[in-house]
C-alpha atoms as a PDB file:
ATOM      1  CA  UNK A   1     -86.559  37.129 101.870  1.00  0.00           C
ATOM      2  CA  UNK A   2     -89.210  38.550 100.057  1.00  0.00           C
ATOM      3  CA  UNK A   3     -90.238  42.211 100.913  1.00  0.00           C
ATOM      4  CA  UNK A   4     -93.251  43.158  99.989  1.00  0.00           C
ATOM      5  CA  UNK A   5     -94.671  46.883  99.338  1.00  0.00           C
ATOM      6  CA  UNK A   6     -97.953  45.901  97.817  1.00  0.00           C
ATOM      7  CA  UNK A   7    -100.750  43.545  99.364  1.00  0.00           C
ATOM      8  CA  UNK A   8     -99.986  39.845  97.175  1.00  0.00           C
ATOM      9  CA  UNK A   9    -103.767  39.623  97.890  1.00  0.00           C
ATOM     10  CA  UNK A  10    -105.585  42.657  96.436  1.00  0.00           C
ATOM     11  CA  UNK A  11    -102.870  44.794  95.141  1.00  0.00           C
ATOM     12  CA  UNK A  12    -103.307  47.436  97.912  1.00  0.00           C
ATOM     13  CA  UNK A  13    -100.193  49.360  99.501  1.00  0.00           C
ATOM     14  CA  UNK A  14     -99.526  47.598 102.710  1.00  0.00           C
ATOM     15  CA  UNK A  15     -99.029  49.569 105.968  1.00  0.00           C
ATOM     16  CA  UNK A  16     -96.689  48.747 109.015  1.00  0.00           C
ATOM     17  CA  UNK A  17     -98.629  48.520 112.474  1.00  0.00           C
ATOM     18  CA  UNK A  18     -98.650  46.410 115.576  1.00  0.00           C
ATOM     19  CA  UNK A  19    -100.042  43.161 114.816  1.00  0.00           C
ATOM     20  CA  UNK A  20     -99.874  40.348 117.745  1.00  0.00           C
ATOM     21  CA  UNK A  21     -97.663  42.422 119.382  1.00  0.00           C
ATOM     22  CA  UNK A  22     -95.341  42.777 116.640  1.00  0.00           C
ATOM     23  CA  UNK A  23     -94.479  45.530 114.383  1.00  0.00           C
ATOM     24  CA  UNK A  24     -95.795  43.989 110.696  1.00  0.00           C
ATOM     25  CA  UNK A  25     -96.950  44.662 107.487  1.00  0.00           C
ATOM     26  CA  UNK A  26    -100.637  44.340 106.704  1.00  0.00           C
ATOM     27  CA  UNK A  27    -103.369  45.344 104.240  1.00  0.00           C
ATOM     28  CA  UNK A  28    -105.867  47.908 105.490  1.00  0.00           C
ATOM     29  CA  UNK A  29    -108.305  46.420 102.915  1.00  0.00           C
ATOM     30  CA  UNK A  30    -108.422  42.395 102.873  1.00  0.00           C
ATOM     31  CA  UNK A  31    -106.677  42.002 106.351  1.00  0.00           C
ATOM     32  CA  UNK A  32    -103.561  40.398 104.445  1.00  0.00           C
ATOM     33  CA  UNK A  33    -100.394  40.093 107.273  1.00  0.00           C
ATOM     34  CA  UNK A  34     -97.302  39.695 106.139  1.00  0.00           C
ATOM     35  CA  UNK A  35     -95.624  37.264 108.791  1.00  0.00           C
ATOM     36  CA  UNK A  36     -91.904  36.439 108.402  1.00  0.00           C
ATOM     37  CA  UNK A  37     -91.651  32.875 109.849  1.00  0.00           C
ATOM     38  CA  UNK A  38     -88.128  31.076 109.715  1.00  0.00           C
ATOM     39  CA  UNK A  39     -86.971  28.589 107.119  1.00  0.00           C
ATOM     40  CA  UNK A  40     -86.866  24.966 108.323  1.00  0.00           C
ATOM     41  CA  UNK A  41     -83.729  22.828 107.829  1.00  0.00           C
ATOM     42  CA  UNK A  42     -82.823  19.581 108.618  1.00  0.00           C
ATOM     43  CA  UNK A  43     -79.338  18.612 109.723  1.00  0.00           C
ATOM     44  CA  UNK A  44     -77.608  15.282 109.996  1.00  0.00           C
ATOM     45  CA  UNK A  45     -74.847  14.452 112.486  1.00  0.00           C
ATOM     46  CA  UNK A  46     -73.686  12.114 110.549  1.00  0.00           C
ATOM     47  CA  UNK A  47     -71.514   9.066 112.324  1.00  0.00           C
ATOM     48  CA  UNK A  48     -70.056   6.062 111.499  1.00  0.00           C
ATOM     49  CA  UNK A  49     -68.242   4.391 114.204  1.00  0.00           C
ATOM     50  CA  UNK A  50     -66.884   7.115 116.159  1.00  0.00           C
ATOM     51  CA  UNK A  51     -66.304   9.065 113.408  1.00  0.00           C
ATOM     52  CA  UNK A  52     -68.273  11.822 112.123  1.00  0.00           C
ATOM     53  CA  UNK A  53     -69.083  12.754 108.361  1.00  0.00           C
ATOM     54  CA  UNK A  54     -68.633  16.633 107.446  1.00  0.00           C
ATOM     55  CA  UNK A  55     -69.017  18.336 103.937  1.00  0.00           C
ATOM     56  CA  UNK A  56     -66.860  21.140 102.989  1.00  0.00           C
ATOM     57  CA  UNK A  57     -69.379  23.439 101.464  1.00  0.00           C
ATOM     58  CA  UNK A  58     -69.009  24.194  97.871  1.00  0.00           C
ATOM     59  CA  UNK A  59     -71.973  27.075  97.965  1.00  0.00           C
ATOM     60  CA  UNK A  60     -72.898  29.958 100.086  1.00  0.00           C
ATOM     61  CA  UNK A  61     -73.486  30.409 103.002  1.00  0.00           C
ATOM     62  CA  UNK A  62     -70.054  29.886 104.711  1.00  0.00           C
ATOM     63  CA  UNK A  63     -68.442  28.557 101.271  1.00  0.00           C
ATOM     64  CA  UNK A  64     -65.626  26.613 101.907  1.00  0.00           C
ATOM     65  CA  UNK A  65     -66.635  25.452 105.576  1.00  0.00           C
ATOM     66  CA  UNK A  66     -66.441  22.294 106.898  1.00  0.00           C
ATOM     67  CA  UNK A  67     -70.399  21.450 108.065  1.00  0.00           C
ATOM     68  CA  UNK A  68     -72.610  19.025 108.574  1.00  0.00           C
ATOM     69  CA  UNK A  69     -74.814  18.112 105.513  1.00  0.00           C
ATOM     70  CA  UNK A  70     -78.015  19.772 106.020  1.00  0.00           C
ATOM     71  CA  UNK A  71     -80.667  21.656 103.648  1.00  0.00           C
ATOM     72  CA  UNK A  72     -83.989  22.802 103.337  1.00  0.00           C
ATOM     73  CA  UNK A  73     -87.262  20.705 104.098  1.00  0.00           C
ATOM     74  CA  UNK A  74     -89.199  20.706 101.186  1.00  0.00           C
ATOM     75  CA  UNK A  75     -93.201  20.693 100.645  1.00  0.00           C
ATOM     76  CA  UNK A  76     -94.406  17.141 101.451  1.00  0.00           C
ATOM     77  CA  UNK A  77     -91.441  15.453 103.405  1.00  0.00           C
ATOM     78  CA  UNK A  78     -90.774  14.882 106.806  1.00  0.00           C
ATOM     79  CA  UNK A  79     -87.770  16.523 108.359  1.00  0.00           C
ATOM     80  CA  UNK A  80     -86.385  13.193 108.554  1.00  0.00           C
ATOM     81  CA  UNK A  81     -86.885  12.329 104.905  1.00  0.00           C
ATOM     82  CA  UNK A  82     -85.050  15.849 104.452  1.00  0.00           C
ATOM     83  CA  UNK A  83     -82.382  15.158 106.887  1.00  0.00           C
ATOM     84  CA  UNK A  84     -81.706  11.353 104.723  1.00  0.00           C
ATOM     85  CA  UNK A  85     -82.244  12.889 101.642  1.00  0.00           C
ATOM     86  CA  UNK A  86     -79.698  15.839 102.241  1.00  0.00           C
ATOM     87  CA  UNK A  87     -77.228  13.623 103.558  1.00  0.00           C
ATOM     88  CA  UNK A  88     -77.211  11.239 100.413  1.00  0.00           C
ATOM     89  CA  UNK A  89     -77.233  14.300  98.171  1.00  0.00           C
ATOM     90  CA  UNK A  90     -74.276  16.051  99.948  1.00  0.00           C
ATOM     91  CA  UNK A  91     -72.152  13.293 101.027  1.00  0.00           C
ATOM     92  CA  UNK A  92     -73.154   9.896  98.535  1.00  0.00           C
ATOM     93  CA  UNK A  93     -74.016   8.043 101.475  1.00  0.00           C
ATOM     94  CA  UNK A  94     -77.450   6.485 102.877  1.00  0.00           C
ATOM     95  CA  UNK A  95     -77.930   6.745 106.401  1.00  0.00           C
ATOM     96  CA  UNK A  96     -80.196   5.516 109.448  1.00  0.00           C
ATOM     97  CA  UNK A  97     -81.653   8.306 111.994  1.00  0.00           C
ATOM     98  CA  UNK A  98     -80.773   7.170 115.656  1.00  0.00           C
ATOM     99  CA  UNK A  99     -82.653  10.212 117.677  1.00  0.00           C
ATOM    100  CA  UNK A 100     -83.802  13.713 117.130  1.00  0.00           C
ATOM    101  CA  UNK A 101     -80.967  15.650 118.866  1.00  0.00           C
ATOM    102  CA  UNK A 102     -82.686  18.935 119.027  1.00  0.00           C
ATOM    103  CA  UNK A 103     -84.279  21.994 117.036  1.00  0.00           C
ATOM    104  CA  UNK A 104     -82.715  25.150 117.410  1.00  0.00           C
ATOM    105  CA  UNK A 105     -83.386  29.100 115.964  1.00  0.00           C
ATOM    106  CA  UNK A 106     -80.002  30.213 113.745  1.00  0.00           C
ATOM    107  CA  UNK A 107     -79.584  33.123 111.857  1.00  0.00           C
ATOM    108  CA  UNK A 108     -77.811  33.122 108.861  1.00  0.00           C
ATOM    109  CA  UNK A 109     -76.468  37.026 108.022  1.00  0.00           C
ATOM    110  CA  UNK A 110     -75.223  36.368 104.769  1.00  0.00           C
ATOM    111  CA  UNK A 111     -78.455  35.046 102.571  1.00  0.00           C
ATOM    112  CA  UNK A 112     -81.057  33.099 104.461  1.00  0.00           C
ATOM    113  CA  UNK A 113     -82.143  34.771 107.208  1.00  0.00           C
ATOM    114  CA  UNK A 114     -84.009  33.317 110.281  1.00  0.00           C
ATOM    115  CA  UNK A 115     -83.859  29.307 110.619  1.00  0.00           C
ATOM    116  CA  UNK A 116     -85.251  26.636 112.462  1.00  0.00           C
ATOM    117  CA  UNK A 117     -82.688  24.075 112.229  1.00  0.00           C
ATOM    118  CA  UNK A 118     -84.027  20.105 113.060  1.00  0.00           C
ATOM    119  CA  UNK A 119     -80.945  18.409 113.677  1.00  0.00           C
ATOM    120  CA  UNK A 120     -80.454  14.222 114.317  1.00  0.00           C
ATOM    121  CA  UNK A 121     -78.394  12.000 115.099  1.00  0.00           C
ATOM    122  CA  UNK A 122     -77.672   9.671 111.837  1.00  0.00           C
ATOM    123  CA  UNK A 123     -75.422   6.462 111.628  1.00  0.00           C
ATOM    124  CA  UNK A 124     -74.578   6.030 107.756  1.00  0.00           C
ATOM    125  CA  UNK A 125     -73.831   2.864 106.107  1.00  0.00           C
ATOM    126  CA  UNK A 126     -70.766   1.833 104.908  1.00  0.00           C
ATOM    127  CA  UNK A 127     -70.525   3.303 101.688  1.00  0.00           C
ATOM    128  CA  UNK A 128     -67.846   5.235  99.332  1.00  0.00           C
ATOM    129  CA  UNK A 129     -68.759   8.694  99.707  1.00  0.00           C
ATOM    130  CA  UNK A 130     -69.438  10.743  96.442  1.00  0.00           C
ATOM    131  CA  UNK A 131     -70.009  14.774  97.590  1.00  0.00           C
ATOM    132  CA  UNK A 132     -72.693  16.306  95.350  1.00  0.00           C
ATOM    133  CA  UNK A 133     -73.011  19.566  93.208  1.00  0.00           C
ATOM    134  CA  UNK A 134     -73.293  21.296  96.841  1.00  0.00           C
ATOM    135  CA  UNK A 135     -70.131  20.285  98.705  1.00  0.00           C
ATOM    136  CA  UNK A 136     -66.777  20.411  97.272  1.00  0.00           C
ATOM    137  CA  UNK A 137     -65.724  17.449  99.369  1.00  0.00           C
ATOM    138  CA  UNK A 138     -66.939  15.034 102.297  1.00  0.00           C
ATOM    139  CA  UNK A 139     -64.720  13.193 104.762  1.00  0.00           C
ATOM    140  CA  UNK A 140     -64.858  11.401 108.077  1.00  0.00           C
ATOM    141  CA  UNK A 141     -62.925  13.226 110.964  1.00  0.00           C
ATOM    142  CA  UNK A 142     -62.119  11.557 114.328  1.00  0.00           C
ATOM    143  CA  UNK A 143     -62.785  13.780 117.250  1.00  0.00           C
ATOM    144  CA  UNK A 144     -59.248  15.199 117.312  1.00  0.00           C
ATOM    145  CA  UNK A 145     -59.883  16.244 114.100  1.00  0.00           C
ATOM    146  CA  UNK A 146     -63.057  17.950 114.596  1.00  0.00           C
ATOM    147  CA  UNK A 147     -62.992  21.779 114.121  1.00  0.00           C
ATOM    148  CA  UNK A 148     -63.224  23.861 117.271  1.00  0.00           C
ATOM    149  CA  UNK A 149     -66.317  25.531 116.244  1.00  0.00           C
ATOM    150  CA  UNK A 150     -67.862  22.055 115.506  1.00  0.00           C
ATOM    151  CA  UNK A 151     -66.877  20.868 118.541  1.00  0.00           C
ATOM    152  CA  UNK A 152     -68.608  24.147 120.494  1.00  0.00           C
ATOM    153  CA  UNK A 153     -72.019  23.329 118.487  1.00  0.00           C
ATOM    154  CA  UNK A 154     -72.472  19.758 119.016  1.00  0.00           C
ATOM    155  CA  UNK A 155     -70.554  19.145 122.500  1.00  0.00           C
ATOM    156  CA  UNK A 156     -73.128  16.823 124.146  1.00  0.00           C
ATOM    157  CA  UNK A 157     -73.890  14.551 120.946  1.00  0.00           C
ATOM    158  CA  UNK A 158     -69.789  14.227 120.471  1.00  0.00           C
ATOM    159  CA  UNK A 159     -69.486  13.461 123.957  1.00  0.00           C
ATOM    160  CA  UNK A 160     -72.031  10.820 123.818  1.00  0.00           C
ATOM    161  CA  UNK A 161     -70.958   8.944 120.957  1.00  0.00           C
ATOM    162  CA  UNK A 162     -67.279   9.055 121.896  1.00  0.00           C
ATOM    163  CA  UNK A 163     -68.858   7.594 125.527  1.00  0.00           C
ATOM    164  CA  UNK A 164     -70.538   4.902 123.605  1.00  0.00           C
ATOM    165  CA  UNK A 165     -69.381   1.161 123.868  1.00  0.00           C
END
């Protein structure tokens, strides 16, 4: 995350002080405040029948870890659009959003810092998997094959999917 020493508006040296109850950098000349906001991320809990589609991350953060397809929401797109775009980019398959699962804050200590993650349950189409450049692999996991950390993170939605008739 970019750390300012000088005001990006007028070029004056920034100072640190209490602004709106938090310690923040600000410009004493033009009143610019250096707010630090979380990065918006869309995540697909992608399913086909009762199996979960995960990617093996090909880039940091958490390179080599099996995870849900996800990525940053870009300017001009909705969280839903970003979710389906990232799903397609990382797995090669399309899907349909079933519902919003939730919104959580996560801190990535490796690269990005504070993130706001918008999670959707997505039913994927029966298309051939074709991992994108940011994924080493993509495959479907039965609930018994899911990594333990994934079971913990998504317990409620996994239970819901498994109990569907």
